[in-house]
Amino acid sequence: MSDIAVRADQHLAVPTGTEPATAQLVQWAHAAHAAHSLAEGICNTAVAPQAYRGKPAEAAAAILAGAEVGLSPIASLRAFDNIQGTPAPKAITLRAITQGLGHEVRIDKSTATEAVVSGRRKGDTEWQTSTWTIDRAQQMGLTSKSQWKQQPAAMLVARATAEVCRWIASDAIMGMPYTAEEIRDQGPTIEARPAPRLVSAADFIDTPAVEDQPGPALTAAEVLGEIRDAQTQTRLDEIRAVCAAAGIRDQEVRDAWSARSAQLAEAA
């Protein structure tokens, strides 16, 4: 068993999936309320991991995710990393859940160049083995990332562990197919990139025209071209200000501005 304990006596009352749909909704509401109350009490203390301090909503999501697989609230905060506001299980979390259900997971080899992890589902006789080498990681473009440079052995074990757990216990870890280590390998997390600015059509339409600063004489067609070419939200905001100053309130312009803003937010 890993150092993340799977507790059978500290579950939140999350739905099991066997109740009627309305009963499940009521249970989810109670569980979410309880999780958020716990999170508010924990997140301002040293008990909470740094990633969740002052973030009760994210902590509540982690507590609920952990409750579904039998983890206590504190264990859940340690077991799930906060990545882009979403709780993501560590590789050790998947191993703990898998082993807690009676399946077997063992590390056969761990070096800076190779990791071999085997797993066997409860009741099965054959082992499934995942081998991750530094060459395999290099082919996927992973070895240039800081975590791979600093701790290659741990990253290889994490990859092999996640792979084996998905093979032998996919039913146990359904809903969290990728580990925190795998998600971080895909690119920078939310802390390293600016949060996209979400806007609505009303945000654009309702801006009053600037009376004391008359804008240039622009046509709707010219503005539409500028909107299509805008590459940043800042540029869109500048176009919006010009439209406000010029008194442009064309519906096509409004729709185009909102659509381009949504595209930029999605790409951020």
C-alpha atoms as a PDB file:
ATOM      1  CA  MET A   1       0.000   0.000   0.000  1.00  0.00           C
ATOM      2  CA  SER A   2       1.260   3.497  -0.710  1.00  0.00           C
ATOM      3  CA  ASP A   3       1.496   6.369   1.742  1.00  0.00           C
ATOM      4  CA  ILE A   4      -1.890   7.670   0.556  1.00  0.00           C
ATOM      5  CA  ALA A   5      -4.344   5.717   2.651  1.00  0.00           C
ATOM      6  CA  VAL A   6      -7.622   4.539   1.203  1.00  0.00           C
ATOM      7  CA  ARG A   7     -10.109   4.877   4.017  1.00  0.00           C
ATOM      8  CA  ALA A   8     -13.440   3.111   4.057  1.00  0.00           C
ATOM      9  CA  ASP A   9     -14.811   5.047   7.021  1.00  0.00           C
ATOM     10  CA  GLN A  10     -14.446   8.667   5.880  1.00  0.00           C
ATOM     11  CA  HIS A  11     -16.457   8.837   2.661  1.00  0.00           C
ATOM     12  CA  LEU A  12     -18.617  11.773   1.774  1.00  0.00           C
ATOM     13  CA  ALA A  13     -22.107  10.680   0.803  1.00  0.00           C
ATOM     14  CA  VAL A  14     -21.493  10.793  -2.941  1.00  0.00           C
ATOM     15  CA  PRO A  15     -23.929   8.940  -5.226  1.00  0.00           C
ATOM     16  CA  THR A  16     -23.046   5.375  -6.128  1.00  0.00           C
ATOM     17  CA  GLY A  17     -24.900   5.402  -9.439  1.00  0.00           C
ATOM     18  CA  THR A  18     -27.505   2.885  -8.282  1.00  0.00           C
ATOM     19  CA  GLU A  19     -29.981   5.426  -6.918  1.00  0.00           C
ATOM     20  CA  PRO A  20     -32.747   7.113  -8.951  1.00  0.00           C
ATOM     21  CA  ALA A  21     -31.517  10.152 -10.854  1.00  0.00           C
ATOM     22  CA  THR A  22     -33.289  12.652  -8.597  1.00  0.00           C
ATOM     23  CA  ALA A  23     -31.888  11.004  -5.485  1.00  0.00           C
ATOM     24  CA  GLN A  24     -28.398  11.182  -6.991  1.00  0.00           C
ATOM     25  CA  LEU A  25     -28.788  14.916  -7.617  1.00  0.00           C
ATOM     26  CA  VAL A  26     -29.837  15.495  -4.005  1.00  0.00           C
ATOM     27  CA  GLN A  27     -26.913  13.447  -2.725  1.00  0.00           C
ATOM     28  CA  TRP A  28     -24.503  15.319  -4.989  1.00  0.00           C
ATOM     29  CA  ALA A  29     -25.811  18.640  -3.720  1.00  0.00           C
ATOM     30  CA  HIS A  30     -25.341  17.580  -0.093  1.00  0.00           C
ATOM     31  CA  ALA A  31     -21.898  16.144  -0.824  1.00  0.00           C
ATOM     32  CA  ALA A  32     -20.786  19.276  -2.674  1.00  0.00           C
ATOM     33  CA  HIS A  33     -22.003  21.495   0.166  1.00  0.00           C
ATOM     34  CA  ALA A  34     -20.210  19.351   2.742  1.00  0.00           C
ATOM     35  CA  ALA A  35     -17.015  19.300   0.667  1.00  0.00           C
ATOM     36  CA  HIS A  36     -17.028  23.071   0.273  1.00  0.00           C
ATOM     37  CA  SER A  37     -17.602  23.581   3.999  1.00  0.00           C
ATOM     38  CA  LEU A  38     -14.652  21.315   4.753  1.00  0.00           C
ATOM     39  CA  ALA A  39     -12.515  23.063   2.146  1.00  0.00           C
ATOM     40  CA  GLU A  40     -13.233  26.522   3.587  1.00  0.00           C
ATOM     41  CA  GLY A  41     -12.071  25.325   6.984  1.00  0.00           C
ATOM     42  CA  ILE A  42      -8.952  23.648   5.662  1.00  0.00           C
ATOM     43  CA  CYS A  43      -7.690  25.964   2.929  1.00  0.00           C
ATOM     44  CA  ASN A  44      -6.517  28.742   5.219  1.00  0.00           C
ATOM     45  CA  THR A  45      -4.430  26.405   7.381  1.00  0.00           C
ATOM     46  CA  ALA A  46      -0.977  24.895   6.984  1.00  0.00           C
ATOM     47  CA  VAL A  47      -2.620  21.486   6.625  1.00  0.00           C
ATOM     48  CA  ALA A  48      -3.694  22.306   3.082  1.00  0.00           C
ATOM     49  CA  PRO A  49      -1.103  21.827   0.334  1.00  0.00           C
ATOM     50  CA  GLN A  50       0.157  25.111  -1.088  1.00  0.00           C
ATOM     51  CA  ALA A  51      -1.722  24.606  -4.366  1.00  0.00           C
ATOM     52  CA  TYR A  52      -5.063  24.694  -2.522  1.00  0.00           C
ATOM     53  CA  ARG A  53      -4.481  27.423   0.058  1.00  0.00           C
ATOM     54  CA  GLY A  54      -7.049  30.148  -0.354  1.00  0.00           C
ATOM     55  CA  LYS A  55      -8.821  28.144  -3.074  1.00  0.00           C
ATOM     56  CA  PRO A  56     -11.784  26.401  -1.415  1.00  0.00           C
ATOM     57  CA  ALA A  57     -13.617  25.748  -4.692  1.00  0.00           C
ATOM     58  CA  GLU A  58     -10.672  23.831  -6.167  1.00  0.00           C
ATOM     59  CA  ALA A  59     -10.123  22.040  -2.856  1.00  0.00           C
ATOM     60  CA  ALA A  60     -13.789  21.020  -2.716  1.00  0.00           C
ATOM     61  CA  ALA A  61     -13.465  19.512  -6.198  1.00  0.00           C
ATOM     62  CA  ALA A  62     -10.425  17.514  -5.055  1.00  0.00           C
ATOM     63  CA  ILE A  63     -12.257  16.337  -1.923  1.00  0.00           C
ATOM     64  CA  LEU A  64     -15.224  15.171  -4.010  1.00  0.00           C
ATOM     65  CA  ALA A  65     -12.926  13.417  -6.488  1.00  0.00           C
ATOM     66  CA  GLY A  66     -11.166  11.663  -3.645  1.00  0.00           C
ATOM     67  CA  ALA A  67     -14.424  10.707  -1.944  1.00  0.00           C
ATOM     68  CA  GLU A  68     -15.494   8.833  -5.071  1.00  0.00           C
ATOM     69  CA  VAL A  69     -12.498   6.502  -4.730  1.00  0.00           C
ATOM     70  CA  GLY A  70     -12.489   6.195  -0.951  1.00  0.00           C
ATOM     71  CA  LEU A  71     -10.008   8.862   0.151  1.00  0.00           C
ATOM     72  CA  SER A  72     -10.450  11.018   3.234  1.00  0.00           C
ATOM     73  CA  PRO A  73     -10.636  14.821   2.676  1.00  0.00           C
ATOM     74  CA  ILE A  74      -7.046  15.503   3.788  1.00  0.00           C
ATOM     75  CA  ALA A  75      -5.718  12.547   1.796  1.00  0.00           C
ATOM     76  CA  SER A  76      -7.611  13.823  -1.248  1.00  0.00           C
ATOM     77  CA  LEU A  77      -5.831  17.178  -1.130  1.00  0.00           C
ATOM     78  CA  ARG A  78      -2.496  15.381  -1.012  1.00  0.00           C
ATOM     79  CA  ALA A  79      -3.489  12.865  -3.681  1.00  0.00           C
ATOM     80  CA  PHE A  80      -4.751  15.325  -6.324  1.00  0.00           C
ATOM     81  CA  ASP A  81      -2.725  18.186  -7.748  1.00  0.00           C
ATOM     82  CA  ASN A  82      -4.493  21.397  -8.719  1.00  0.00           C
ATOM     83  CA  ILE A  83      -3.868  21.819 -12.453  1.00  0.00           C
ATOM     84  CA  GLN A  84      -5.734  24.601 -14.254  1.00  0.00           C
ATOM     85  CA  GLY A  85      -8.355  24.532 -11.534  1.00  0.00           C
ATOM     86  CA  THR A  86      -9.018  20.812 -11.998  1.00  0.00           C
ATOM     87  CA  PRO A  87      -7.932  18.078  -9.567  1.00  0.00           C
ATOM     88  CA  ALA A  88      -5.552  15.645 -11.276  1.00  0.00           C
ATOM     89  CA  PRO A  89      -4.439  12.430  -9.556  1.00  0.00           C
ATOM     90  CA  LYS A  90      -0.763  11.716  -9.055  1.00  0.00           C
ATOM     91  CA  ALA A  91       0.589   8.380 -10.296  1.00  0.00           C
ATOM     92  CA  ILE A  92       0.952   7.259  -6.690  1.00  0.00           C
ATOM     93  CA  THR A  93      -2.753   8.014  -6.224  1.00  0.00           C
ATOM     94  CA  LEU A  94      -3.723   5.630  -9.008  1.00  0.00           C
ATOM     95  CA  ARG A  95      -1.477   2.990  -7.480  1.00  0.00           C
ATOM     96  CA  ALA A  96      -3.023   3.479  -4.034  1.00  0.00           C
ATOM     97  CA  ILE A  97      -6.563   3.211  -5.395  1.00  0.00           C
ATOM     98  CA  THR A  98      -5.693   0.142  -7.446  1.00  0.00           C
ATOM     99  CA  GLN A  99      -3.963  -1.617  -4.563  1.00  0.00           C
ATOM    100  CA  GLY A 100      -6.702  -0.614  -2.148  1.00  0.00           C
ATOM    101  CA  LEU A 101      -9.167  -2.623  -4.251  1.00  0.00           C
ATOM    102  CA  GLY A 102      -7.038  -5.744  -4.050  1.00  0.00           C
ATOM    103  CA  HIS A 103      -5.232  -5.468  -7.373  1.00  0.00           C
ATOM    104  CA  GLU A 104      -1.453  -5.847  -7.384  1.00  0.00           C
ATOM    105  CA  VAL A 105       1.044  -3.271  -8.626  1.00  0.00           C
ATOM    106  CA  ARG A 106       4.779  -3.678  -8.217  1.00  0.00           C
ATOM    107  CA  ILE A 107       7.855  -1.768  -9.367  1.00  0.00           C
ATOM    108  CA  ASP A 108      10.238  -4.299 -10.891  1.00  0.00           C
ATOM    109  CA  LYS A 109      12.940  -1.845 -11.920  1.00  0.00           C
ATOM    110  CA  SER A 110      13.655   1.842 -11.442  1.00  0.00           C
ATOM    111  CA  THR A 111      16.709   3.671 -12.755  1.00  0.00           C
ATOM    112  CA  ALA A 112      17.339   7.011 -14.420  1.00  0.00           C
ATOM    113  CA  THR A 113      17.055   5.326 -17.816  1.00  0.00           C
ATOM    114  CA  GLU A 114      14.383   2.646 -17.365  1.00  0.00           C
ATOM    115  CA  ALA A 115      11.335   1.812 -15.271  1.00  0.00           C
ATOM    116  CA  VAL A 116       9.463  -1.488 -15.292  1.00  0.00           C
ATOM    117  CA  VAL A 117       6.121  -1.702 -13.481  1.00  0.00           C
ATOM    118  CA  SER A 118       3.880  -4.771 -13.422  1.00  0.00           C
ATOM    119  CA  GLY A 119       0.264  -5.163 -12.402  1.00  0.00           C
ATOM    120  CA  ARG A 120      -2.202  -7.959 -11.932  1.00  0.00           C
ATOM    121  CA  ARG A 121      -5.930  -7.614 -11.513  1.00  0.00           C
ATOM    122  CA  LYS A 122      -7.462  -9.272  -8.483  1.00  0.00           C
ATOM    123  CA  GLY A 123      -8.248 -12.875  -9.363  1.00  0.00           C
ATOM    124  CA  ASP A 124      -6.075 -12.923 -12.480  1.00  0.00           C
ATOM    125  CA  THR A 125      -2.933 -15.027 -12.779  1.00  0.00           C
ATOM    126  CA  GLU A 126      -1.134 -13.135 -15.553  1.00  0.00           C
ATOM    127  CA  TRP A 127       0.850  -9.955 -14.974  1.00  0.00           C
ATOM    128  CA  GLN A 128       0.697  -6.936 -17.286  1.00  0.00           C
ATOM    129  CA  THR A 129       4.033  -5.132 -17.600  1.00  0.00           C
ATOM    130  CA  SER A 130       4.789  -1.566 -18.702  1.00  0.00           C
ATOM    131  CA  THR A 131       8.330  -0.579 -19.600  1.00  0.00           C
ATOM    132  CA  TRP A 132       9.279   3.058 -19.937  1.00  0.00           C
ATOM    133  CA  THR A 133      12.780   3.982 -21.077  1.00  0.00           C
ATOM    134  CA  ILE A 134      14.447   7.344 -21.400  1.00  0.00           C
ATOM    135  CA  ASP A 135      14.625   6.709 -25.156  1.00  0.00           C
ATOM    136  CA  ARG A 136      10.849   6.295 -25.298  1.00  0.00           C
ATOM    137  CA  ALA A 137      10.398   9.530 -23.374  1.00  0.00           C
ATOM    138  CA  GLN A 138      12.848  11.296 -25.687  1.00  0.00           C
ATOM    139  CA  GLN A 139      10.945  10.158 -28.775  1.00  0.00           C
ATOM    140  CA  MET A 140       7.832  11.773 -27.292  1.00  0.00           C
ATOM    141  CA  GLY A 141       9.689  15.033 -26.656  1.00  0.00           C
ATOM    142  CA  LEU A 142       9.473  14.752 -22.866  1.00  0.00           C
ATOM    143  CA  THR A 143      13.111  14.790 -21.777  1.00  0.00           C
ATOM    144  CA  SER A 144      13.568  18.493 -22.459  1.00  0.00           C
ATOM    145  CA  LYS A 145      11.070  19.366 -19.725  1.00  0.00           C
ATOM    146  CA  SER A 146      12.391  20.436 -16.328  1.00  0.00           C
ATOM    147  CA  GLN A 147      10.776  17.635 -14.335  1.00  0.00           C
ATOM    148  CA  TRP A 148      12.390  15.037 -16.578  1.00  0.00           C
ATOM    149  CA  LYS A 149      15.805  16.671 -16.258  1.00  0.00           C
ATOM    150  CA  GLN A 150      15.552  16.895 -12.474  1.00  0.00           C
ATOM    151  CA  GLN A 151      14.076  13.473 -11.648  1.00  0.00           C
ATOM    152  CA  PRO A 152      14.035  11.135 -14.657  1.00  0.00           C
ATOM    153  CA  ALA A 153      13.677   7.968 -12.554  1.00  0.00           C
ATOM    154  CA  ALA A 154      10.553   9.236 -10.785  1.00  0.00           C
ATOM    155  CA  MET A 155       8.988  10.394 -14.040  1.00  0.00           C
ATOM    156  CA  LEU A 156       9.612   7.041 -15.719  1.00  0.00           C
ATOM    157  CA  VAL A 157       8.029   5.199 -12.796  1.00  0.00           C
ATOM    158  CA  ALA A 158       5.058   7.583 -12.851  1.00  0.00           C
ATOM    159  CA  ARG A 159       4.445   6.937 -16.549  1.00  0.00           C
ATOM    160  CA  ALA A 160       4.746   3.160 -16.215  1.00  0.00           C
ATOM    161  CA  THR A 161       2.563   3.122 -13.093  1.00  0.00           C
ATOM    162  CA  ALA A 162      -0.235   5.099 -14.760  1.00  0.00           C
ATOM    163  CA  GLU A 163      -0.119   2.830 -17.791  1.00  0.00           C
ATOM    164  CA  VAL A 164      -0.387  -0.352 -15.738  1.00  0.00           C
ATOM    165  CA  CYS A 165      -3.193   0.992 -13.551  1.00  0.00           C
ATOM    166  CA  ARG A 166      -5.222   1.897 -16.636  1.00  0.00           C
ATOM    167  CA  TRP A 167      -4.693  -1.621 -17.990  1.00  0.00           C
ATOM    168  CA  ILE A 168      -5.738  -3.570 -14.911  1.00  0.00           C
ATOM    169  CA  ALA A 169      -8.162  -1.240 -13.103  1.00  0.00           C
ATOM    170  CA  SER A 170      -9.768   1.086 -15.625  1.00  0.00           C
ATOM    171  CA  ASP A 171     -13.119   0.629 -13.890  1.00  0.00           C
ATOM    172  CA  ALA A 172     -11.661   1.837 -10.584  1.00  0.00           C
ATOM    173  CA  ILE A 173     -10.060   4.976 -12.006  1.00  0.00           C
ATOM    174  CA  MET A 174     -12.721   5.901 -14.563  1.00  0.00           C
ATOM    175  CA  GLY A 175     -13.057   9.677 -14.830  1.00  0.00           C
ATOM    176  CA  MET A 176      -9.372  10.368 -14.146  1.00  0.00           C
ATOM    177  CA  PRO A 177      -7.522   8.736 -17.032  1.00  0.00           C
ATOM    178  CA  TYR A 178      -4.470  11.003 -16.956  1.00  0.00           C
ATOM    179  CA  THR A 179      -2.167  11.698 -14.050  1.00  0.00           C
ATOM    180  CA  ALA A 180      -0.825  15.063 -12.939  1.00  0.00           C
ATOM    181  CA  GLU A 181       2.598  14.079 -14.243  1.00  0.00           C
ATOM    182  CA  GLU A 182       1.183  13.299 -17.694  1.00  0.00           C
ATOM    183  CA  ILE A 183      -0.843  16.503 -17.853  1.00  0.00           C
ATOM    184  CA  ARG A 184       2.177  18.632 -16.917  1.00  0.00           C
ATOM    185  CA  ASP A 185       4.154  16.991 -19.700  1.00  0.00           C
ATOM    186  CA  GLN A 186       1.688  18.438 -22.223  1.00  0.00           C
ATOM    187  CA  GLY A 187       2.685  22.030 -21.501  1.00  0.00           C
ATOM    188  CA  PRO A 188       2.741  24.824 -18.927  1.00  0.00           C
ATOM    189  CA  THR A 189       0.058  24.834 -16.261  1.00  0.00           C
ATOM    190  CA  ILE A 190      -2.325  27.702 -15.594  1.00  0.00           C
ATOM    191  CA  GLU A 191       0.104  29.337 -13.165  1.00  0.00           C
ATOM    192  CA  ALA A 192       2.547  29.887 -16.027  1.00  0.00           C
ATOM    193  CA  ARG A 193       0.148  31.409 -18.524  1.00  0.00           C
ATOM    194  CA  PRO A 194      -2.299  34.313 -18.272  1.00  0.00           C
ATOM    195  CA  ALA A 195      -5.897  33.337 -17.663  1.00  0.00           C
ATOM    196  CA  PRO A 196      -8.095  33.970 -20.713  1.00  0.00           C
ATOM    197  CA  ARG A 197     -10.408  36.938 -20.376  1.00  0.00           C
ATOM    198  CA  LEU A 198     -13.950  35.692 -20.892  1.00  0.00           C
ATOM    199  CA  VAL A 199     -16.328  38.274 -22.288  1.00  0.00           C
ATOM    200  CA  SER A 200     -19.862  38.317 -23.547  1.00  0.00           C
ATOM    201  CA  ALA A 201     -21.682  40.205 -26.265  1.00  0.00           C
ATOM    202  CA  ALA A 202     -23.237  42.413 -23.597  1.00  0.00           C
ATOM    203  CA  ASP A 203     -19.759  43.429 -22.453  1.00  0.00           C
ATOM    204  CA  PHE A 204     -19.175  44.828 -25.935  1.00  0.00           C
ATOM    205  CA  ILE A 205     -22.622  46.184 -26.728  1.00  0.00           C
ATOM    206  CA  ASP A 206     -23.345  47.997 -23.512  1.00  0.00           C
ATOM    207  CA  THR A 207     -20.173  50.096 -23.442  1.00  0.00           C
ATOM    208  CA  PRO A 208     -21.263  53.726 -23.721  1.00  0.00           C
ATOM    209  CA  ALA A 209     -19.851  55.822 -26.513  1.00  0.00           C
ATOM    210  CA  VAL A 210     -17.075  58.223 -25.577  1.00  0.00           C
ATOM    211  CA  GLU A 211     -18.613  61.637 -26.080  1.00  0.00           C
ATOM    212  CA  ASP A 212     -15.537  63.808 -25.577  1.00  0.00           C
ATOM    213  CA  GLN A 213     -13.215  61.854 -27.885  1.00  0.00           C
ATOM    214  CA  PRO A 214     -14.730  61.589 -31.377  1.00  0.00           C
ATOM    215  CA  GLY A 215     -13.358  58.589 -33.196  1.00  0.00           C
ATOM    216  CA  PRO A 216     -12.216  58.253 -36.788  1.00  0.00           C
ATOM    217  CA  ALA A 217     -14.771  57.780 -39.519  1.00  0.00           C
ATOM    218  CA  LEU A 218     -14.939  53.999 -39.817  1.00  0.00           C
ATOM    219  CA  THR A 219     -17.298  51.736 -41.673  1.00  0.00           C
ATOM    220  CA  ALA A 220     -18.642  48.442 -40.333  1.00  0.00           C
ATOM    221  CA  ALA A 221     -16.812  46.586 -43.123  1.00  0.00           C
ATOM    222  CA  GLU A 222     -13.468  48.064 -42.045  1.00  0.00           C
ATOM    223  CA  VAL A 223     -14.111  47.121 -38.418  1.00  0.00           C
ATOM    224  CA  LEU A 224     -15.022  43.549 -39.402  1.00  0.00           C
ATOM    225  CA  GLY A 225     -11.674  43.207 -41.154  1.00  0.00           C
ATOM    226  CA  GLU A 226      -9.820  44.488 -38.081  1.00  0.00           C
ATOM    227  CA  ILE A 227     -11.694  42.043 -35.850  1.00  0.00           C
ATOM    228  CA  ARG A 228     -10.861  39.077 -38.080  1.00  0.00           C
ATOM    229  CA  ASP A 229      -7.161  40.027 -38.068  1.00  0.00           C
ATOM    230  CA  ALA A 230      -6.933  40.608 -34.300  1.00  0.00           C
ATOM    231  CA  GLN A 231      -4.489  38.187 -32.673  1.00  0.00           C
ATOM    232  CA  THR A 232      -4.897  39.175 -29.015  1.00  0.00           C
ATOM    233  CA  GLN A 233      -7.688  40.151 -26.660  1.00  0.00           C
ATOM    234  CA  THR A 234      -5.873  43.444 -26.094  1.00  0.00           C
ATOM    235  CA  ARG A 235      -6.224  44.268 -29.778  1.00  0.00           C
ATOM    236  CA  LEU A 236      -9.922  43.370 -29.649  1.00  0.00           C
ATOM    237  CA  ASP A 237     -10.374  45.691 -26.683  1.00  0.00           C
ATOM    238  CA  GLU A 238      -8.733  48.504 -28.664  1.00  0.00           C
ATOM    239  CA  ILE A 239     -11.139  47.872 -31.557  1.00  0.00           C
ATOM    240  CA  ARG A 240     -14.027  47.905 -29.138  1.00  0.00           C
ATOM    241  CA  ALA A 241     -12.924  51.294 -27.778  1.00  0.00           C
ATOM    242  CA  VAL A 242     -12.670  52.715 -31.299  1.00  0.00           C
ATOM    243  CA  CYS A 243     -16.158  51.436 -32.113  1.00  0.00           C
ATOM    244  CA  ALA A 244     -17.511  53.009 -28.945  1.00  0.00           C
ATOM    245  CA  ALA A 245     -15.910  56.329 -29.814  1.00  0.00           C
ATOM    246  CA  ALA A 246     -17.226  56.167 -33.380  1.00  0.00           C
ATOM    247  CA  GLY A 247     -20.709  55.151 -32.258  1.00  0.00           C
ATOM    248  CA  ILE A 248     -20.648  51.893 -34.254  1.00  0.00           C
ATOM    249  CA  ARG A 249     -23.399  49.542 -33.017  1.00  0.00           C
ATOM    250  CA  ASP A 250     -23.793  47.254 -36.032  1.00  0.00           C
ATOM    251  CA  GLN A 251     -25.113  43.804 -35.008  1.00  0.00           C
ATOM    252  CA  GLU A 252     -22.761  42.024 -37.391  1.00  0.00           C
ATOM    253  CA  VAL A 253     -19.825  43.792 -35.760  1.00  0.00           C
ATOM    254  CA  ARG A 254     -21.037  42.801 -32.312  1.00  0.00           C
ATOM    255  CA  ASP A 255     -21.394  39.157 -33.294  1.00  0.00           C
ATOM    256  CA  ALA A 256     -18.004  39.059 -35.030  1.00  0.00           C
ATOM    257  CA  TRP A 257     -16.273  40.665 -32.038  1.00  0.00           C
ATOM    258  CA  SER A 258     -17.836  38.207 -29.580  1.00  0.00           C
ATOM    259  CA  ALA A 259     -17.000  35.202 -31.768  1.00  0.00           C
ATOM    260  CA  ARG A 260     -13.350  36.279 -32.208  1.00  0.00           C
ATOM    261  CA  SER A 261     -13.009  36.932 -28.482  1.00  0.00           C
ATOM    262  CA  ALA A 262     -14.268  33.410 -27.737  1.00  0.00           C
ATOM    263  CA  GLN A 263     -11.776  31.958 -30.254  1.00  0.00           C
ATOM    264  CA  LEU A 264      -8.864  33.759 -28.598  1.00  0.00           C
ATOM    265  CA  ALA A 265      -9.978  32.669 -25.132  1.00  0.00           C
ATOM    266  CA  GLU A 266     -10.196  29.049 -26.272  1.00  0.00           C
ATOM    267  CA  ALA A 267      -6.744  29.191 -27.845  1.00  0.00           C
ATOM    268  CA  ALA A 268      -5.120  30.770 -24.764  1.00  0.00           C
END
